[in-house]
Amino acid sequence: MTERLALTPIDTGFLDSTFAYASDPENTRLMMFMPLSDLDETRKYLEYFEAEWQKPNPVYCEFAILLDGVHIGEVGVDFLNGPDIAELGWVLHPDHHGHGYATEAARAVIDYAVKRFKANHFIAHCDAENAASQSVMHKLGMKLTDTTGTRKNRASDETRVEYTYELNL
């Protein structure tokens, strides 16, 4: 919980609301693993996270972000590279951009990762043109550490510049 938001493990109960933001080509144009193509793919996406939550030590903790009980996006922390590097990520429905929700939710996930997993090093990546995500990273106290990465959105063949931000606690 935060001042304005509730975070809960994401699961297939959020199928339609996840599809609403994760399938939107404009909303996800600067992201690597989206847009999701249909409800079946969205269900599989959510089933992956649901299965992770069942593990004693999940490597990926994805939370639904709720505002007044309404699902507005998701935020997650990924430990795929081991417990020493926690990678943050988030996506919101476009109706909820610009209100500080991503920063607030990411802060809560950092606190969760520190308490639950003893994480102390966080990274996040974004498209070089994603000023909104860069702003979130700055507000979290993250520092730009690399501007030489590349990425592709699933809906495009264009290779784009990726920025890496890091936070050491």
C-alpha atoms as a PDB file:
ATOM      1  CA  MET A   1       0.000   0.000   0.000  1.00  0.00           C
ATOM      2  CA  THR A   2       1.030   3.572  -0.611  1.00  0.00           C
ATOM      3  CA  GLU A   3      -0.678   6.836   0.174  1.00  0.00           C
ATOM      4  CA  ARG A   4      -2.922   6.552  -2.898  1.00  0.00           C
ATOM      5  CA  LEU A   5      -2.384   3.086  -4.317  1.00  0.00           C
ATOM      6  CA  ALA A   6      -2.816  -0.566  -3.477  1.00  0.00           C
ATOM      7  CA  LEU A   7      -0.422  -3.120  -4.941  1.00  0.00           C
ATOM      8  CA  THR A   8      -1.449  -6.745  -5.246  1.00  0.00           C
ATOM      9  CA  PRO A   9       0.085  -9.711  -7.059  1.00  0.00           C
ATOM     10  CA  ILE A  10      -1.113  -9.580 -10.640  1.00  0.00           C
ATOM     11  CA  ASP A  11      -3.031 -12.564 -11.944  1.00  0.00           C
ATOM     12  CA  THR A  12      -5.544 -13.585 -14.597  1.00  0.00           C
ATOM     13  CA  GLY A  13      -8.315 -11.778 -12.724  1.00  0.00           C
ATOM     14  CA  PHE A  14      -6.837  -8.632 -14.286  1.00  0.00           C
ATOM     15  CA  LEU A  15      -7.096  -9.982 -17.858  1.00  0.00           C
ATOM     16  CA  ASP A  16      -9.320  -7.338 -19.440  1.00  0.00           C
ATOM     17  CA  SER A  17      -7.777  -4.374 -17.648  1.00  0.00           C
ATOM     18  CA  THR A  18      -4.240  -5.555 -18.467  1.00  0.00           C
ATOM     19  CA  PHE A  19      -5.172  -6.035 -22.106  1.00  0.00           C
ATOM     20  CA  ALA A  20      -6.554  -2.475 -22.203  1.00  0.00           C
ATOM     21  CA  TYR A  21      -3.127  -0.895 -21.601  1.00  0.00           C
ATOM     22  CA  ALA A  22      -0.754  -3.673 -22.692  1.00  0.00           C
ATOM     23  CA  SER A  23      -2.241  -4.060 -26.185  1.00  0.00           C
ATOM     24  CA  ASP A  24      -2.340  -0.333 -26.971  1.00  0.00           C
ATOM     25  CA  PRO A  25       0.345   0.225 -29.640  1.00  0.00           C
ATOM     26  CA  GLU A  26       0.764   3.917 -28.808  1.00  0.00           C
ATOM     27  CA  ASN A  27       0.962   3.309 -25.052  1.00  0.00           C
ATOM     28  CA  THR A  28       3.566   0.565 -25.512  1.00  0.00           C
ATOM     29  CA  ARG A  29       5.529   1.869 -28.499  1.00  0.00           C
ATOM     30  CA  LEU A  30       8.650   2.513 -26.398  1.00  0.00           C
ATOM     31  CA  MET A  31       8.523  -0.849 -24.589  1.00  0.00           C
ATOM     32  CA  MET A  32      10.274  -4.058 -25.583  1.00  0.00           C
ATOM     33  CA  PHE A  33       7.849  -6.850 -24.688  1.00  0.00           C
ATOM     34  CA  MET A  34       4.616  -5.163 -25.669  1.00  0.00           C
ATOM     35  CA  PRO A  35       2.119  -4.610 -27.208  1.00  0.00           C
ATOM     36  CA  LEU A  36       0.385  -7.860 -26.359  1.00  0.00           C
ATOM     37  CA  SER A  37      -1.503  -9.086 -29.407  1.00  0.00           C
ATOM     38  CA  ASP A  38      -4.728 -10.555 -28.024  1.00  0.00           C
ATOM     39  CA  LEU A  39      -6.506 -11.810 -24.910  1.00  0.00           C
ATOM     40  CA  ASP A  40      -4.941 -15.269 -25.196  1.00  0.00           C
ATOM     41  CA  GLU A  41      -1.425 -13.833 -25.173  1.00  0.00           C
ATOM     42  CA  THR A  42      -2.402 -11.542 -22.297  1.00  0.00           C
ATOM     43  CA  ARG A  43      -3.723 -14.539 -20.350  1.00  0.00           C
ATOM     44  CA  LYS A  44      -0.419 -16.400 -20.851  1.00  0.00           C
ATOM     45  CA  TYR A  45       1.487 -13.276 -19.797  1.00  0.00           C
ATOM     46  CA  LEU A  46      -0.542 -13.097 -16.576  1.00  0.00           C
ATOM     47  CA  GLU A  47      -0.338 -16.863 -15.965  1.00  0.00           C
ATOM     48  CA  TYR A  48       3.459 -16.565 -15.976  1.00  0.00           C
ATOM     49  CA  PHE A  49       3.340 -13.997 -13.162  1.00  0.00           C
ATOM     50  CA  GLU A  50       0.669 -15.944 -11.317  1.00  0.00           C
ATOM     51  CA  ALA A  51       2.920 -19.038 -11.357  1.00  0.00           C
ATOM     52  CA  GLU A  52       5.892 -16.979 -10.151  1.00  0.00           C
ATOM     53  CA  TRP A  53       3.893 -15.775  -7.151  1.00  0.00           C
ATOM     54  CA  GLN A  54       3.338 -19.417  -6.149  1.00  0.00           C
ATOM     55  CA  LYS A  55       7.088 -20.031  -5.746  1.00  0.00           C
ATOM     56  CA  PRO A  56       8.742 -19.599  -2.326  1.00  0.00           C
ATOM     57  CA  ASN A  57      11.309 -17.266  -3.919  1.00  0.00           C
ATOM     58  CA  PRO A  58       9.891 -15.854  -7.133  1.00  0.00           C
ATOM     59  CA  VAL A  59      12.357 -14.407  -9.620  1.00  0.00           C
ATOM     60  CA  TYR A  60       9.747 -12.011 -10.955  1.00  0.00           C
ATOM     61  CA  CYS A  61       7.288 -10.176  -8.707  1.00  0.00           C
ATOM     62  CA  GLU A  62       4.678  -8.325 -10.749  1.00  0.00           C
ATOM     63  CA  PHE A  63       2.047  -6.240  -8.982  1.00  0.00           C
ATOM     64  CA  ALA A  64      -1.228  -4.813 -10.238  1.00  0.00           C
ATOM     65  CA  ILE A  65      -1.503  -1.116  -9.362  1.00  0.00           C
ATOM     66  CA  LEU A  66      -4.940  -0.235  -8.018  1.00  0.00           C
ATOM     67  CA  LEU A  67      -6.308   3.274  -7.594  1.00  0.00           C
ATOM     68  CA  ASP A  68      -9.546   3.335  -5.600  1.00  0.00           C
ATOM     69  CA  GLY A  69      -9.908  -0.371  -6.429  1.00  0.00           C
ATOM     70  CA  VAL A  70      -9.473   0.161 -10.194  1.00  0.00           C
ATOM     71  CA  HIS A  71      -6.577  -1.581 -11.971  1.00  0.00           C
ATOM     72  CA  ILE A  72      -4.550   1.177 -13.679  1.00  0.00           C
ATOM     73  CA  GLY A  73      -1.265  -0.572 -14.484  1.00  0.00           C
ATOM     74  CA  GLU A  74       1.502  -2.768 -13.186  1.00  0.00           C
ATOM     75  CA  VAL A  75       4.907  -2.530 -11.582  1.00  0.00           C
ATOM     76  CA  GLY A  76       7.422  -5.280 -11.087  1.00  0.00           C
ATOM     77  CA  VAL A  77      10.820  -6.322  -9.885  1.00  0.00           C
ATOM     78  CA  ASP A  78      12.845  -8.992 -11.657  1.00  0.00           C
ATOM     79  CA  PHE A  79      15.603 -11.060 -10.037  1.00  0.00           C
ATOM     80  CA  LEU A  80      16.477 -13.099 -13.152  1.00  0.00           C
ATOM     81  CA  ASN A  81      20.154 -12.141 -12.777  1.00  0.00           C
ATOM     82  CA  GLY A  82      20.198 -13.311  -9.165  1.00  0.00           C
ATOM     83  CA  PRO A  83      19.415 -11.578  -5.896  1.00  0.00           C
ATOM     84  CA  ASP A  84      22.113  -8.935  -6.326  1.00  0.00           C
ATOM     85  CA  ILE A  85      20.474  -7.060  -9.193  1.00  0.00           C
ATOM     86  CA  ALA A  86      16.806  -6.147  -9.000  1.00  0.00           C
ATOM     87  CA  GLU A  87      15.391  -4.796 -12.263  1.00  0.00           C
ATOM     88  CA  LEU A  88      12.359  -2.519 -12.063  1.00  0.00           C
ATOM     89  CA  GLY A  89       9.668  -2.023 -14.673  1.00  0.00           C
ATOM     90  CA  TRP A  90       6.219  -0.447 -14.939  1.00  0.00           C
ATOM     91  CA  VAL A  91       3.429   0.367 -17.347  1.00  0.00           C
ATOM     92  CA  LEU A  92       0.244   2.350 -16.769  1.00  0.00           C
ATOM     93  CA  HIS A  93      -2.984   2.769 -18.649  1.00  0.00           C
ATOM     94  CA  PRO A  94      -2.639   6.054 -20.609  1.00  0.00           C
ATOM     95  CA  ASP A  95      -5.569   7.582 -18.731  1.00  0.00           C
ATOM     96  CA  HIS A  96      -3.366   7.546 -15.623  1.00  0.00           C
ATOM     97  CA  HIS A  97      -0.115   8.988 -16.959  1.00  0.00           C
ATOM     98  CA  GLY A  98       1.309  12.129 -15.381  1.00  0.00           C
ATOM     99  CA  HIS A  99      -0.002  11.756 -11.823  1.00  0.00           C
ATOM    100  CA  GLY A 100       3.057  10.262 -10.135  1.00  0.00           C
ATOM    101  CA  TYR A 101       1.524   6.791  -9.839  1.00  0.00           C
ATOM    102  CA  ALA A 102       4.469   4.979 -11.463  1.00  0.00           C
ATOM    103  CA  THR A 103       6.944   6.640  -9.112  1.00  0.00           C
ATOM    104  CA  GLU A 104       4.794   5.915  -6.066  1.00  0.00           C
ATOM    105  CA  ALA A 105       4.297   2.266  -7.056  1.00  0.00           C
ATOM    106  CA  ALA A 106       7.976   1.748  -7.951  1.00  0.00           C
ATOM    107  CA  ARG A 107       9.033   3.207  -4.585  1.00  0.00           C
ATOM    108  CA  ALA A 108       6.785   0.706  -2.843  1.00  0.00           C
ATOM    109  CA  VAL A 109       8.261  -2.159  -4.876  1.00  0.00           C
ATOM    110  CA  ILE A 110      11.792  -1.038  -4.013  1.00  0.00           C
ATOM    111  CA  ASP A 111      10.820  -1.117  -0.328  1.00  0.00           C
ATOM    112  CA  TYR A 112       9.292  -4.570  -0.821  1.00  0.00           C
ATOM    113  CA  ALA A 113      12.422  -5.904  -2.549  1.00  0.00           C
ATOM    114  CA  VAL A 114      14.687  -4.503   0.158  1.00  0.00           C
ATOM    115  CA  LYS A 115      12.593  -6.004   2.981  1.00  0.00           C
ATOM    116  CA  ARG A 116      11.684  -9.340   1.347  1.00  0.00           C
ATOM    117  CA  PHE A 117      14.852 -10.103  -0.641  1.00  0.00           C
ATOM    118  CA  LYS A 118      17.483  -7.818   0.924  1.00  0.00           C
ATOM    119  CA  ALA A 119      17.979  -6.169  -2.488  1.00  0.00           C
ATOM    120  CA  ASN A 120      20.290  -3.160  -2.509  1.00  0.00           C
ATOM    121  CA  HIS A 121      21.077  -2.595  -6.193  1.00  0.00           C
ATOM    122  CA  PHE A 122      18.321  -1.665  -8.644  1.00  0.00           C
ATOM    123  CA  ILE A 123      18.419  -1.133 -12.389  1.00  0.00           C
ATOM    124  CA  ALA A 124      15.842  -0.001 -14.910  1.00  0.00           C
ATOM    125  CA  HIS A 125      15.951   0.374 -18.669  1.00  0.00           C
ATOM    126  CA  CYS A 126      13.986   2.608 -20.980  1.00  0.00           C
ATOM    127  CA  ASP A 127      13.898   3.816 -24.545  1.00  0.00           C
ATOM    128  CA  ALA A 128      16.003   6.968 -24.941  1.00  0.00           C
ATOM    129  CA  GLU A 129      12.852   8.840 -26.000  1.00  0.00           C
ATOM    130  CA  ASN A 130      10.821   7.747 -22.972  1.00  0.00           C
ATOM    131  CA  ALA A 131      11.011  10.992 -21.002  1.00  0.00           C
ATOM    132  CA  ALA A 132       8.241   9.865 -18.626  1.00  0.00           C
ATOM    133  CA  SER A 133      10.149   6.759 -17.507  1.00  0.00           C
ATOM    134  CA  GLN A 134      13.365   8.758 -17.241  1.00  0.00           C
ATOM    135  CA  SER A 135      11.541  11.172 -14.954  1.00  0.00           C
ATOM    136  CA  VAL A 136      10.330   8.288 -12.769  1.00  0.00           C
ATOM    137  CA  MET A 137      13.880   6.959 -12.520  1.00  0.00           C
ATOM    138  CA  HIS A 138      15.236  10.365 -11.508  1.00  0.00           C
ATOM    139  CA  LYS A 139      12.506  10.762  -8.869  1.00  0.00           C
ATOM    140  CA  LEU A 140      13.481   7.340  -7.489  1.00  0.00           C
ATOM    141  CA  GLY A 141      17.057   8.586  -7.102  1.00  0.00           C
ATOM    142  CA  MET A 142      18.369   6.456  -9.946  1.00  0.00           C
ATOM    143  CA  LYS A 143      21.345   7.646 -11.973  1.00  0.00           C
ATOM    144  CA  LEU A 144      21.884   7.257 -15.706  1.00  0.00           C
ATOM    145  CA  THR A 145      24.768   4.793 -16.100  1.00  0.00           C
ATOM    146  CA  ASP A 146      24.660   3.687 -19.750  1.00  0.00           C
ATOM    147  CA  THR A 147      23.407   5.200 -22.992  1.00  0.00           C
ATOM    148  CA  THR A 148      24.807   2.598 -25.404  1.00  0.00           C
ATOM    149  CA  GLY A 149      22.200  -0.164 -25.151  1.00  0.00           C
ATOM    150  CA  THR A 150      19.754  -1.049 -27.888  1.00  0.00           C
ATOM    151  CA  ARG A 151      16.223  -2.386 -27.909  1.00  0.00           C
ATOM    152  CA  LYS A 152      13.327  -3.177 -30.232  1.00  0.00           C
ATOM    153  CA  ASN A 153       9.615  -2.882 -29.664  1.00  0.00           C
ATOM    154  CA  ARG A 154       7.852  -6.101 -30.641  1.00  0.00           C
ATOM    155  CA  ALA A 155       5.703  -4.211 -33.142  1.00  0.00           C
ATOM    156  CA  SER A 156       8.672  -2.639 -34.960  1.00  0.00           C
ATOM    157  CA  ASP A 157      11.884  -3.698 -36.661  1.00  0.00           C
ATOM    158  CA  GLU A 158      13.521  -0.408 -35.681  1.00  0.00           C
ATOM    159  CA  THR A 159      16.539  -0.683 -33.391  1.00  0.00           C
ATOM    160  CA  ARG A 160      16.351   2.032 -30.785  1.00  0.00           C
ATOM    161  CA  VAL A 161      18.687   3.462 -28.133  1.00  0.00           C
ATOM    162  CA  GLU A 162      18.235   2.156 -24.600  1.00  0.00           C
ATOM    163  CA  TYR A 163      19.215   3.929 -21.399  1.00  0.00           C
ATOM    164  CA  THR A 164      20.146   2.148 -18.178  1.00  0.00           C
ATOM    165  CA  TYR A 165      19.603   3.714 -14.765  1.00  0.00           C
ATOM    166  CA  GLU A 166      20.885   2.371 -11.447  1.00  0.00           C
ATOM    167  CA  LEU A 167      20.280   2.888  -7.750  1.00  0.00           C
ATOM    168  CA  ASN A 168      22.509   1.609  -4.964  1.00  0.00           C
ATOM    169  CA  LEU A 169      21.102   1.649  -1.450  1.00  0.00           C
END
